[in-house]
PDB file of N, CA and C in Angstrom:
ATOM      1  N   UNK A   1     135.347  90.016  52.335  1.00  0.00           N
ATOM      2  CA  UNK A   1     133.969  90.090  52.709  1.00  0.00           C
ATOM      3  C   UNK A   1     133.348  90.789  53.729  1.00  0.00           C
ATOM      4  N   UNK A   2     132.413  91.237  53.892  1.00  0.00           N
ATOM      5  CA  UNK A   2     131.848  91.539  55.044  1.00  0.00           C
ATOM      6  C   UNK A   2     130.862  90.932  55.504  1.00  0.00           C
ATOM      7  N   UNK A   3     130.781  90.312  56.626  1.00  0.00           N
ATOM      8  CA  UNK A   3     129.737  89.707  57.152  1.00  0.00           C
ATOM      9  C   UNK A   3     128.469  90.266  58.009  1.00  0.00           C
ATOM     10  N   UNK A   4     127.338  90.273  57.321  1.00  0.00           N
ATOM     11  CA  UNK A   4     125.995  90.466  57.898  1.00  0.00           C
ATOM     12  C   UNK A   4     125.395  89.945  59.014  1.00  0.00           C
ATOM     13  N   UNK A   5     125.392  90.794  60.056  1.00  0.00           N
ATOM     14  CA  UNK A   5     124.215  90.107  61.313  1.00  0.00           C
ATOM     15  C   UNK A   5     122.967  90.874  61.433  1.00  0.00           C
ATOM     16  N   UNK A   6     122.153  90.228  61.620  1.00  0.00           N
ATOM     17  CA  UNK A   6     120.918  90.945  61.985  1.00  0.00           C
ATOM     18  C   UNK A   6     120.584  90.982  63.952  1.00  0.00           C
ATOM     19  N   UNK A   7     120.451  92.179  63.801  1.00  0.00           N
ATOM     20  CA  UNK A   7     120.213  92.406  65.096  1.00  0.00           C
ATOM     21  C   UNK A   7     118.551  92.586  65.485  1.00  0.00           C
ATOM     22  N   UNK A   8     117.872  92.419  64.715  1.00  0.00           N
ATOM     23  CA  UNK A   8     116.461  92.663  64.960  1.00  0.00           C
ATOM     24  C   UNK A   8     115.972  91.346  66.126  1.00  0.00           C
ATOM     25  N   UNK A   9     115.268  91.695  67.263  1.00  0.00           N
ATOM     26  CA  UNK A   9     114.519  90.857  67.949  1.00  0.00           C
ATOM     27  C   UNK A   9     113.335  91.414  68.087  1.00  0.00           C
ATOM     28  N   UNK A  10     112.439  90.187  68.589  1.00  0.00           N
ATOM     29  CA  UNK A  10     111.055  90.306  68.890  1.00  0.00           C
ATOM     30  C   UNK A  10     110.773  91.500  70.353  1.00  0.00           C
ATOM     31  N   UNK A  11     109.968  92.142  70.091  1.00  0.00           N
ATOM     32  CA  UNK A  11     109.540  93.052  71.402  1.00  0.00           C
ATOM     33  C   UNK A  11     108.679  92.534  71.995  1.00  0.00           C
ATOM     34  N   UNK A  12     108.584  92.483  73.597  1.00  0.00           N
ATOM     35  CA  UNK A  12     107.260  91.889  74.408  1.00  0.00           C
ATOM     36  C   UNK A  12     106.749  93.265  74.529  1.00  0.00           C
ATOM     37  N   UNK A  13     105.352  92.976  74.839  1.00  0.00           N
ATOM     38  CA  UNK A  13     104.387  94.120  74.800  1.00  0.00           C
ATOM     39  C   UNK A  13     103.661  94.164  76.199  1.00  0.00           C
ATOM     40  N   UNK A  14     103.182  95.096  76.768  1.00  0.00           N
ATOM     41  CA  UNK A  14     102.476  95.067  77.802  1.00  0.00           C
ATOM     42  C   UNK A  14     101.048  95.153  77.318  1.00  0.00           C
ATOM     43  N   UNK A  15     100.220  94.212  77.887  1.00  0.00           N
ATOM     44  CA  UNK A  15      98.949  93.867  77.067  1.00  0.00           C
ATOM     45  C   UNK A  15      98.074  94.347  78.538  1.00  0.00           C
ATOM     46  N   UNK A  16      96.995  95.087  78.644  1.00  0.00           N
ATOM     47  CA  UNK A  16      96.106  95.150  79.921  1.00  0.00           C
ATOM     48  C   UNK A  16      94.795  94.066  79.195  1.00  0.00           C
ATOM     49  N   UNK A  17      94.165  93.387  80.342  1.00  0.00           N
ATOM     50  CA  UNK A  17      92.962  92.626  80.154  1.00  0.00           C
ATOM     51  C   UNK A  17      92.350  93.525  80.768  1.00  0.00           C
ATOM     52  N   UNK A  18      90.643  93.516  80.625  1.00  0.00           N
ATOM     53  CA  UNK A  18      89.458  93.984  81.449  1.00  0.00           C
ATOM     54  C   UNK A  18      88.527  93.302  81.274  1.00  0.00           C
ATOM     55  N   UNK A  19      87.802  93.219  82.471  1.00  0.00           N
ATOM     56  CA  UNK A  19      86.437  92.751  82.502  1.00  0.00           C
ATOM     57  C   UNK A  19      85.676  93.673  83.463  1.00  0.00           C
ATOM     58  N   UNK A  20      84.317  93.991  83.071  1.00  0.00           N
ATOM     59  CA  UNK A  20      83.436  94.674  84.069  1.00  0.00           C
ATOM     60  C   UNK A  20      82.628  93.418  84.680  1.00  0.00           C
ATOM     61  N   UNK A  21      82.682  93.532  85.727  1.00  0.00           N
ATOM     62  CA  UNK A  21      82.185  92.227  86.404  1.00  0.00           C
ATOM     63  C   UNK A  21      81.433  93.025  88.166  1.00  0.00           C
ATOM     64  N   UNK A  22      80.415  93.709  88.051  1.00  0.00           N
ATOM     65  CA  UNK A  22      80.187  94.165  89.186  1.00  0.00           C
ATOM     66  C   UNK A  22      80.247  93.538  90.641  1.00  0.00           C
ATOM     67  N   UNK A  23      79.512  92.321  90.575  1.00  0.00           N
ATOM     68  CA  UNK A  23      79.338  91.255  91.605  1.00  0.00           C
ATOM     69  C   UNK A  23      80.401  90.709  92.306  1.00  0.00           C
ATOM     70  N   UNK A  24      81.445  90.405  91.336  1.00  0.00           N
ATOM     71  CA  UNK A  24      82.722  89.759  91.803  1.00  0.00           C
ATOM     72  C   UNK A  24      83.347  89.964  92.869  1.00  0.00           C
ATOM     73  N   UNK A  25      84.135  89.037  93.413  1.00  0.00           N
ATOM     74  CA  UNK A  25      84.742  89.163  94.462  1.00  0.00           C
ATOM     75  C   UNK A  25      86.284  88.884  94.327  1.00  0.00           C
ATOM     76  N   UNK A  26      86.417  88.161  93.371  1.00  0.00           N
ATOM     77  CA  UNK A  26      87.841  87.612  92.663  1.00  0.00           C
ATOM     78  C   UNK A  26      87.470  87.376  91.334  1.00  0.00           C
ATOM     79  N   UNK A  27      88.373  88.017  90.691  1.00  0.00           N
ATOM     80  CA  UNK A  27      88.684  87.831  89.110  1.00  0.00           C
ATOM     81  C   UNK A  27      90.065  87.147  89.078  1.00  0.00           C
ATOM     82  N   UNK A  28      90.348  86.233  88.105  1.00  0.00           N
ATOM     83  CA  UNK A  28      91.630  85.981  87.720  1.00  0.00           C
ATOM     84  C   UNK A  28      91.847  85.608  86.210  1.00  0.00           C
ATOM     85  N   UNK A  29      92.942  86.093  85.641  1.00  0.00           N
ATOM     86  CA  UNK A  29      93.239  86.093  84.284  1.00  0.00           C
ATOM     87  C   UNK A  29      94.111  84.593  84.077  1.00  0.00           C
ATOM     88  N   UNK A  30      93.268  83.513  83.293  1.00  0.00           N
ATOM     89  CA  UNK A  30      93.918  82.762  82.916  1.00  0.00           C
ATOM     90  C   UNK A  30      93.852  82.526  81.685  1.00  0.00           C
ATOM     91  N   UNK A  31      95.173  81.845  81.160  1.00  0.00           N
ATOM     92  CA  UNK A  31      95.412  81.284  79.799  1.00  0.00           C
ATOM     93  C   UNK A  31      96.358  80.587  79.136  1.00  0.00           C
ATOM     94  N   UNK A  32      96.662  80.381  78.140  1.00  0.00           N
ATOM     95  CA  UNK A  32      97.690  79.495  77.812  1.00  0.00           C
ATOM     96  C   UNK A  32      99.065  80.152  77.800  1.00  0.00           C
ATOM     97  N   UNK A  33      99.120  81.393  78.077  1.00  0.00           N
ATOM     98  CA  UNK A  33     100.140  82.452  78.429  1.00  0.00           C
ATOM     99  C   UNK A  33     101.016  81.960  79.746  1.00  0.00           C
ATOM    100  N   UNK A  34     100.132  81.661  80.592  1.00  0.00           N
ATOM    101  CA  UNK A  34     100.327  81.381  82.087  1.00  0.00           C
ATOM    102  C   UNK A  34     100.411  79.912  82.251  1.00  0.00           C
ATOM    103  N   UNK A  35      99.884  78.916  81.447  1.00  0.00           N
ATOM    104  CA  UNK A  35     100.113  77.511  81.569  1.00  0.00           C
ATOM    105  C   UNK A  35      98.440  77.079  82.572  1.00  0.00           C
ATOM    106  N   UNK A  36      97.494  78.155  82.258  1.00  0.00           N
ATOM    107  CA  UNK A  36      96.268  78.122  82.939  1.00  0.00           C
ATOM    108  C   UNK A  36      96.519  78.018  84.122  1.00  0.00           C
ATOM    109  N   UNK A  37      97.236  78.588  84.791  1.00  0.00           N
ATOM    110  CA  UNK A  37      97.592  78.716  86.023  1.00  0.00           C
ATOM    111  C   UNK A  37      96.793  79.900  86.812  1.00  0.00           C
ATOM    112  N   UNK A  38      96.037  79.372  88.131  1.00  0.00           N
ATOM    113  CA  UNK A  38      94.784  80.484  88.646  1.00  0.00           C
ATOM    114  C   UNK A  38      95.876  81.194  89.527  1.00  0.00           C
ATOM    115  N   UNK A  39      97.134  80.860  89.935  1.00  0.00           N
ATOM    116  CA  UNK A  39      97.727  81.756  91.023  1.00  0.00           C
ATOM    117  C   UNK A  39      98.570  82.715  90.275  1.00  0.00           C
ATOM    118  N   UNK A  40      98.561  82.931  88.824  1.00  0.00           N
ATOM    119  CA  UNK A  40     100.024  83.732  88.283  1.00  0.00           C
ATOM    120  C   UNK A  40      99.077  84.935  88.105  1.00  0.00           C
ATOM    121  N   UNK A  41      98.209  85.346  87.568  1.00  0.00           N
ATOM    122  CA  UNK A  41      97.443  86.806  87.215  1.00  0.00           C
ATOM    123  C   UNK A  41      96.036  86.625  87.960  1.00  0.00           C
ATOM    124  N   UNK A  42      96.184  87.280  89.012  1.00  0.00           N
ATOM    125  CA  UNK A  42      94.822  87.679  89.761  1.00  0.00           C
ATOM    126  C   UNK A  42      94.595  89.122  89.381  1.00  0.00           C
ATOM    127  N   UNK A  43      93.333  89.562  89.148  1.00  0.00           N
ATOM    128  CA  UNK A  43      93.210  90.646  88.563  1.00  0.00           C
ATOM    129  C   UNK A  43      92.709  91.786  89.839  1.00  0.00           C
ATOM    130  N   UNK A  44      92.972  93.016  89.483  1.00  0.00           N
ATOM    131  CA  UNK A  44      92.732  93.772  90.420  1.00  0.00           C
ATOM    132  C   UNK A  44      91.322  94.851  90.131  1.00  0.00           C
ATOM    133  N   UNK A  45      90.884  94.855  91.218  1.00  0.00           N
ATOM    134  CA  UNK A  45      89.484  95.460  90.816  1.00  0.00           C
ATOM    135  C   UNK A  45      89.440  96.859  91.630  1.00  0.00           C
ATOM    136  N   UNK A  46      88.899  97.871  90.805  1.00  0.00           N
ATOM    137  CA  UNK A  46      88.606  99.428  91.088  1.00  0.00           C
ATOM    138  C   UNK A  46      87.770  99.591  92.028  1.00  0.00           C
ATOM    139  N   UNK A  47      86.982  98.990  92.767  1.00  0.00           N
ATOM    140  CA  UNK A  47      85.947  99.124  93.684  1.00  0.00           C
ATOM    141  C   UNK A  47      84.522  99.541  92.805  1.00  0.00           C
ATOM    142  N   UNK A  48      84.463  99.417  91.390  1.00  0.00           N
ATOM    143  CA  UNK A  48      83.712 100.007  90.880  1.00  0.00           C
ATOM    144  C   UNK A  48      82.950  98.843  90.049  1.00  0.00           C
ATOM    145  N   UNK A  49      83.574  97.948  89.663  1.00  0.00           N
ATOM    146  CA  UNK A  49      82.873  96.687  88.940  1.00  0.00           C
ATOM    147  C   UNK A  49      84.114  96.474  87.891  1.00  0.00           C
ATOM    148  N   UNK A  50      85.096  97.113  87.906  1.00  0.00           N
ATOM    149  CA  UNK A  50      85.980  97.158  86.765  1.00  0.00           C
ATOM    150  C   UNK A  50      87.463  96.583  87.152  1.00  0.00           C
ATOM    151  N   UNK A  51      87.638  95.345  86.480  1.00  0.00           N
ATOM    152  CA  UNK A  51      89.024  94.513  86.938  1.00  0.00           C
ATOM    153  C   UNK A  51      89.893  94.439  85.784  1.00  0.00           C
ATOM    154  N   UNK A  52      91.257  94.656  86.019  1.00  0.00           N
ATOM    155  CA  UNK A  52      91.891  94.740  85.175  1.00  0.00           C
ATOM    156  C   UNK A  52      93.076  94.006  85.572  1.00  0.00           C
ATOM    157  N   UNK A  53      94.217  93.547  84.820  1.00  0.00           N
ATOM    158  CA  UNK A  53      95.576  92.850  84.860  1.00  0.00           C
ATOM    159  C   UNK A  53      96.371  93.119  83.537  1.00  0.00           C
ATOM    160  N   UNK A  54      97.955  93.600  83.838  1.00  0.00           N
ATOM    161  CA  UNK A  54      98.736  93.565  82.616  1.00  0.00           C
ATOM    162  C   UNK A  54      99.715  92.986  82.669  1.00  0.00           C
ATOM    163  N   UNK A  55     100.013  92.228  81.795  1.00  0.00           N
ATOM    164  CA  UNK A  55     100.655  91.082  81.278  1.00  0.00           C
ATOM    165  C   UNK A  55     101.696  91.617  79.740  1.00  0.00           C
ATOM    166  N   UNK A  56     102.978  90.984  80.056  1.00  0.00           N
ATOM    167  CA  UNK A  56     103.833  90.999  79.131  1.00  0.00           C
ATOM    168  C   UNK A  56     104.094  89.910  78.461  1.00  0.00           C
ATOM    169  N   UNK A  57     103.353  90.048  76.982  1.00  0.00           N
ATOM    170  CA  UNK A  57     103.618  89.189  75.895  1.00  0.00           C
ATOM    171  C   UNK A  57     104.299  89.133  74.845  1.00  0.00           C
ATOM    172  N   UNK A  58     105.079  88.086  74.276  1.00  0.00           N
ATOM    173  CA  UNK A  58     105.878  88.049  72.815  1.00  0.00           C
ATOM    174  C   UNK A  58     104.226  88.165  72.174  1.00  0.00           C
ATOM    175  N   UNK A  59     104.891  88.246  70.578  1.00  0.00           N
ATOM    176  CA  UNK A  59     103.668  88.281  69.549  1.00  0.00           C
ATOM    177  C   UNK A  59     103.328  86.489  69.476  1.00  0.00           C
ATOM    178  N   UNK A  60     101.921  86.559  68.986  1.00  0.00           N
ATOM    179  CA  UNK A  60     101.232  85.227  69.204  1.00  0.00           C
ATOM    180  C   UNK A  60      99.897  85.029  69.293  1.00  0.00           C
ATOM    181  N   UNK A  61      99.391  83.915  69.169  1.00  0.00           N
ATOM    182  CA  UNK A  61      98.016  84.033  69.332  1.00  0.00           C
ATOM    183  C   UNK A  61      97.683  83.050  70.886  1.00  0.00           C
ATOM    184  N   UNK A  62      96.873  83.871  71.606  1.00  0.00           N
ATOM    185  CA  UNK A  62      96.533  83.307  73.071  1.00  0.00           C
ATOM    186  C   UNK A  62      95.353  83.238  73.291  1.00  0.00           C
ATOM    187  N   UNK A  63      95.029  81.698  73.787  1.00  0.00           N
ATOM    188  CA  UNK A  63      93.987  81.513  74.298  1.00  0.00           C
ATOM    189  C   UNK A  63      93.540  81.610  75.588  1.00  0.00           C
ATOM    190  N   UNK A  64      92.414  82.053  76.247  1.00  0.00           N
ATOM    191  CA  UNK A  64      92.410  82.737  77.839  1.00  0.00           C
ATOM    192  C   UNK A  64      91.100  82.563  78.042  1.00  0.00           C
ATOM    193  N   UNK A  65      90.715  82.791  79.509  1.00  0.00           N
ATOM    194  CA  UNK A  65      89.736  83.002  79.933  1.00  0.00           C
ATOM    195  C   UNK A  65      89.581  83.880  81.067  1.00  0.00           C
ATOM    196  N   UNK A  66      88.515  84.147  81.981  1.00  0.00           N
ATOM    197  CA  UNK A  66      88.382  84.171  83.416  1.00  0.00           C
ATOM    198  C   UNK A  66      87.861  83.690  84.378  1.00  0.00           C
ATOM    199  N   UNK A  67      88.361  83.770  85.105  1.00  0.00           N
ATOM    200  CA  UNK A  67      87.776  82.524  86.406  1.00  0.00           C
ATOM    201  C   UNK A  67      87.400  83.831  87.519  1.00  0.00           C
ATOM    202  N   UNK A  68      85.861  83.634  87.375  1.00  0.00           N
ATOM    203  CA  UNK A  68      85.183  84.981  88.470  1.00  0.00           C
ATOM    204  C   UNK A  68      84.358  84.335  89.155  1.00  0.00           C
ATOM    205  N   UNK A  69      85.083  84.332  90.566  1.00  0.00           N
ATOM    206  CA  UNK A  69      84.463  83.855  91.637  1.00  0.00           C
ATOM    207  C   UNK A  69      84.228  82.358  91.524  1.00  0.00           C
ATOM    208  N   UNK A  70      85.226  81.522  90.996  1.00  0.00           N
ATOM    209  CA  UNK A  70      85.203  80.225  90.541  1.00  0.00           C
ATOM    210  C   UNK A  70      84.522  79.389  89.513  1.00  0.00           C
ATOM    211  N   UNK A  71      84.225  80.508  88.715  1.00  0.00           N
ATOM    212  CA  UNK A  71      83.504  80.165  87.560  1.00  0.00           C
ATOM    213  C   UNK A  71      84.111  80.744  86.677  1.00  0.00           C
ATOM    214  N   UNK A  72      84.099  79.797  85.326  1.00  0.00           N
ATOM    215  CA  UNK A  72      84.704  80.433  84.061  1.00  0.00           C
ATOM    216  C   UNK A  72      83.979  80.898  82.840  1.00  0.00           C
ATOM    217  N   UNK A  73      84.887  82.330  82.910  1.00  0.00           N
ATOM    218  CA  UNK A  73      83.833  82.911  81.896  1.00  0.00           C
ATOM    219  C   UNK A  73      84.511  83.914  80.602  1.00  0.00           C
ATOM    220  N   UNK A  74      84.076  83.509  79.564  1.00  0.00           N
ATOM    221  CA  UNK A  74      84.351  84.100  78.113  1.00  0.00           C
ATOM    222  C   UNK A  74      84.668  85.473  78.334  1.00  0.00           C
ATOM    223  N   UNK A  75      85.629  86.379  77.622  1.00  0.00           N
ATOM    224  CA  UNK A  75      85.851  87.419  77.589  1.00  0.00           C
ATOM    225  C   UNK A  75      84.527  88.266  76.853  1.00  0.00           C
ATOM    226  N   UNK A  76      83.522  88.840  77.145  1.00  0.00           N
ATOM    227  CA  UNK A  76      82.632  89.495  76.507  1.00  0.00           C
ATOM    228  C   UNK A  76      82.955  90.452  75.214  1.00  0.00           C
ATOM    229  N   UNK A  77      84.150  91.041  75.589  1.00  0.00           N
ATOM    230  CA  UNK A  77      84.675  92.054  74.666  1.00  0.00           C
ATOM    231  C   UNK A  77      85.538  91.529  73.446  1.00  0.00           C
ATOM    232  N   UNK A  78      85.633  89.989  73.564  1.00  0.00           N
ATOM    233  CA  UNK A  78      86.456  89.420  72.705  1.00  0.00           C
ATOM    234  C   UNK A  78      85.750  88.773  71.480  1.00  0.00           C
ATOM    235  N   UNK A  79      85.835  88.928  70.335  1.00  0.00           N
ATOM    236  CA  UNK A  79      85.304  88.539  68.828  1.00  0.00           C
ATOM    237  C   UNK A  79      85.392  87.222  68.578  1.00  0.00           C
ATOM    238  N   UNK A  80      86.568  86.930  68.762  1.00  0.00           N
ATOM    239  CA  UNK A  80      87.581  85.912  68.280  1.00  0.00           C
ATOM    240  C   UNK A  80      87.541  84.465  69.474  1.00  0.00           C
ATOM    241  N   UNK A  81      86.833  83.476  69.281  1.00  0.00           N
ATOM    242  CA  UNK A  81      86.875  82.118  70.014  1.00  0.00           C
ATOM    243  C   UNK A  81      87.616  80.949  69.479  1.00  0.00           C
ATOM    244  N   UNK A  82      87.848  80.103  70.415  1.00  0.00           N
ATOM    245  CA  UNK A  82      88.128  78.867  69.967  1.00  0.00           C
ATOM    246  C   UNK A  82      87.468  77.973  71.080  1.00  0.00           C
ATOM    247  N   UNK A  83      87.024  76.460  69.822  1.00  0.00           N
ATOM    248  CA  UNK A  83      86.370  75.330  71.056  1.00  0.00           C
ATOM    249  C   UNK A  83      87.397  75.115  71.809  1.00  0.00           C
ATOM    250  N   UNK A  84      87.313  74.326  73.190  1.00  0.00           N
ATOM    251  CA  UNK A  84      87.821  73.678  73.890  1.00  0.00           C
ATOM    252  C   UNK A  84      87.916  72.458  74.100  1.00  0.00           C
ATOM    253  N   UNK A  85      88.472  71.842  74.926  1.00  0.00           N
ATOM    254  CA  UNK A  85      88.132  70.013  75.041  1.00  0.00           C
ATOM    255  C   UNK A  85      87.142  69.745  76.345  1.00  0.00           C
ATOM    256  N   UNK A  86      86.633  71.308  76.882  1.00  0.00           N
ATOM    257  CA  UNK A  86      85.385  70.897  77.643  1.00  0.00           C
ATOM    258  C   UNK A  86      84.349  70.884  77.333  1.00  0.00           C
ATOM    259  N   UNK A  87      84.087  71.482  75.696  1.00  0.00           N
ATOM    260  CA  UNK A  87      82.651  71.663  75.114  1.00  0.00           C
ATOM    261  C   UNK A  87      82.334  73.185  75.286  1.00  0.00           C
ATOM    262  N   UNK A  88      83.222  73.997  75.827  1.00  0.00           N
ATOM    263  CA  UNK A  88      82.657  75.183  76.000  1.00  0.00           C
ATOM    264  C   UNK A  88      83.948  75.886  74.760  1.00  0.00           C
ATOM    265  N   UNK A  89      84.073  77.551  74.886  1.00  0.00           N
ATOM    266  CA  UNK A  89      85.139  78.219  74.432  1.00  0.00           C
ATOM    267  C   UNK A  89      85.975  79.296  74.845  1.00  0.00           C
ATOM    268  N   UNK A  90      87.027  78.974  74.616  1.00  0.00           N
ATOM    269  CA  UNK A  90      87.936  80.141  74.924  1.00  0.00           C
ATOM    270  C   UNK A  90      87.903  81.379  74.178  1.00  0.00           C
ATOM    271  N   UNK A  91      88.379  82.636  74.908  1.00  0.00           N
ATOM    272  CA  UNK A  91      88.599  83.915  73.913  1.00  0.00           C
ATOM    273  C   UNK A  91      89.593  83.625  73.326  1.00  0.00           C
ATOM    274  N   UNK A  92      90.006  84.340  72.279  1.00  0.00           N
ATOM    275  CA  UNK A  92      91.204  84.639  71.691  1.00  0.00           C
ATOM    276  C   UNK A  92      91.830  85.995  71.591  1.00  0.00           C
ATOM    277  N   UNK A  93      93.375  85.953  71.600  1.00  0.00           N
ATOM    278  CA  UNK A  93      94.038  87.442  71.715  1.00  0.00           C
ATOM    279  C   UNK A  93      95.108  86.920  70.511  1.00  0.00           C
ATOM    280  N   UNK A  94      95.103  88.244  69.613  1.00  0.00           N
ATOM    281  CA  UNK A  94      96.059  87.863  68.537  1.00  0.00           C
ATOM    282  C   UNK A  94      97.031  88.920  69.022  1.00  0.00           C
ATOM    283  N   UNK A  95      98.369  89.012  69.231  1.00  0.00           N
ATOM    284  CA  UNK A  95      99.305  90.030  69.294  1.00  0.00           C
ATOM    285  C   UNK A  95     100.376  89.870  68.104  1.00  0.00           C
ATOM    286  N   UNK A  96     100.065  91.249  67.334  1.00  0.00           N
ATOM    287  CA  UNK A  96     101.166  91.317  66.283  1.00  0.00           C
ATOM    288  C   UNK A  96     102.677  91.497  66.718  1.00  0.00           C
ATOM    289  N   UNK A  97     103.474  91.481  65.805  1.00  0.00           N
ATOM    290  CA  UNK A  97     104.931  91.649  66.071  1.00  0.00           C
ATOM    291  C   UNK A  97     105.103  93.303  65.977  1.00  0.00           C
ATOM    292  N   UNK A  98     105.860  93.546  66.728  1.00  0.00           N
ATOM    293  CA  UNK A  98     106.751  94.590  66.593  1.00  0.00           C
ATOM    294  C   UNK A  98     108.430  94.516  66.428  1.00  0.00           C
ATOM    295  N   UNK A  99     109.004  95.002  65.882  1.00  0.00           N
ATOM    296  CA  UNK A  99     110.490  94.656  65.340  1.00  0.00           C
ATOM    297  C   UNK A  99     111.122  95.697  65.992  1.00  0.00           C
ATOM    298  N   UNK A 100     112.227  95.588  66.639  1.00  0.00           N
ATOM    299  CA  UNK A 100     113.120  96.595  67.082  1.00  0.00           C
ATOM    300  C   UNK A 100     114.598  96.433  66.188  1.00  0.00           C
TER     301      UNK A 100
END
């Protein structure tokens, strides 16, 4: 009798986050995917107010915020929010699975 094995694995995907903040001097992407570490994902500005950062993520639901010049900001483009323990909200991003 033949043994059947699965070689299906979950694929990580490159996701790019954007924030338009023309007066910002520093923007950092922070979320549960980087353990809310402000040193992990500084964003790069294009000089015209658009900031971006790409990260590799496995499928799942992620909470995140932007730290803009030391101030926490929700993602204005995200329609999904989740209440946090500080009495404010985190933005939520849901990444679906692609199987290889």
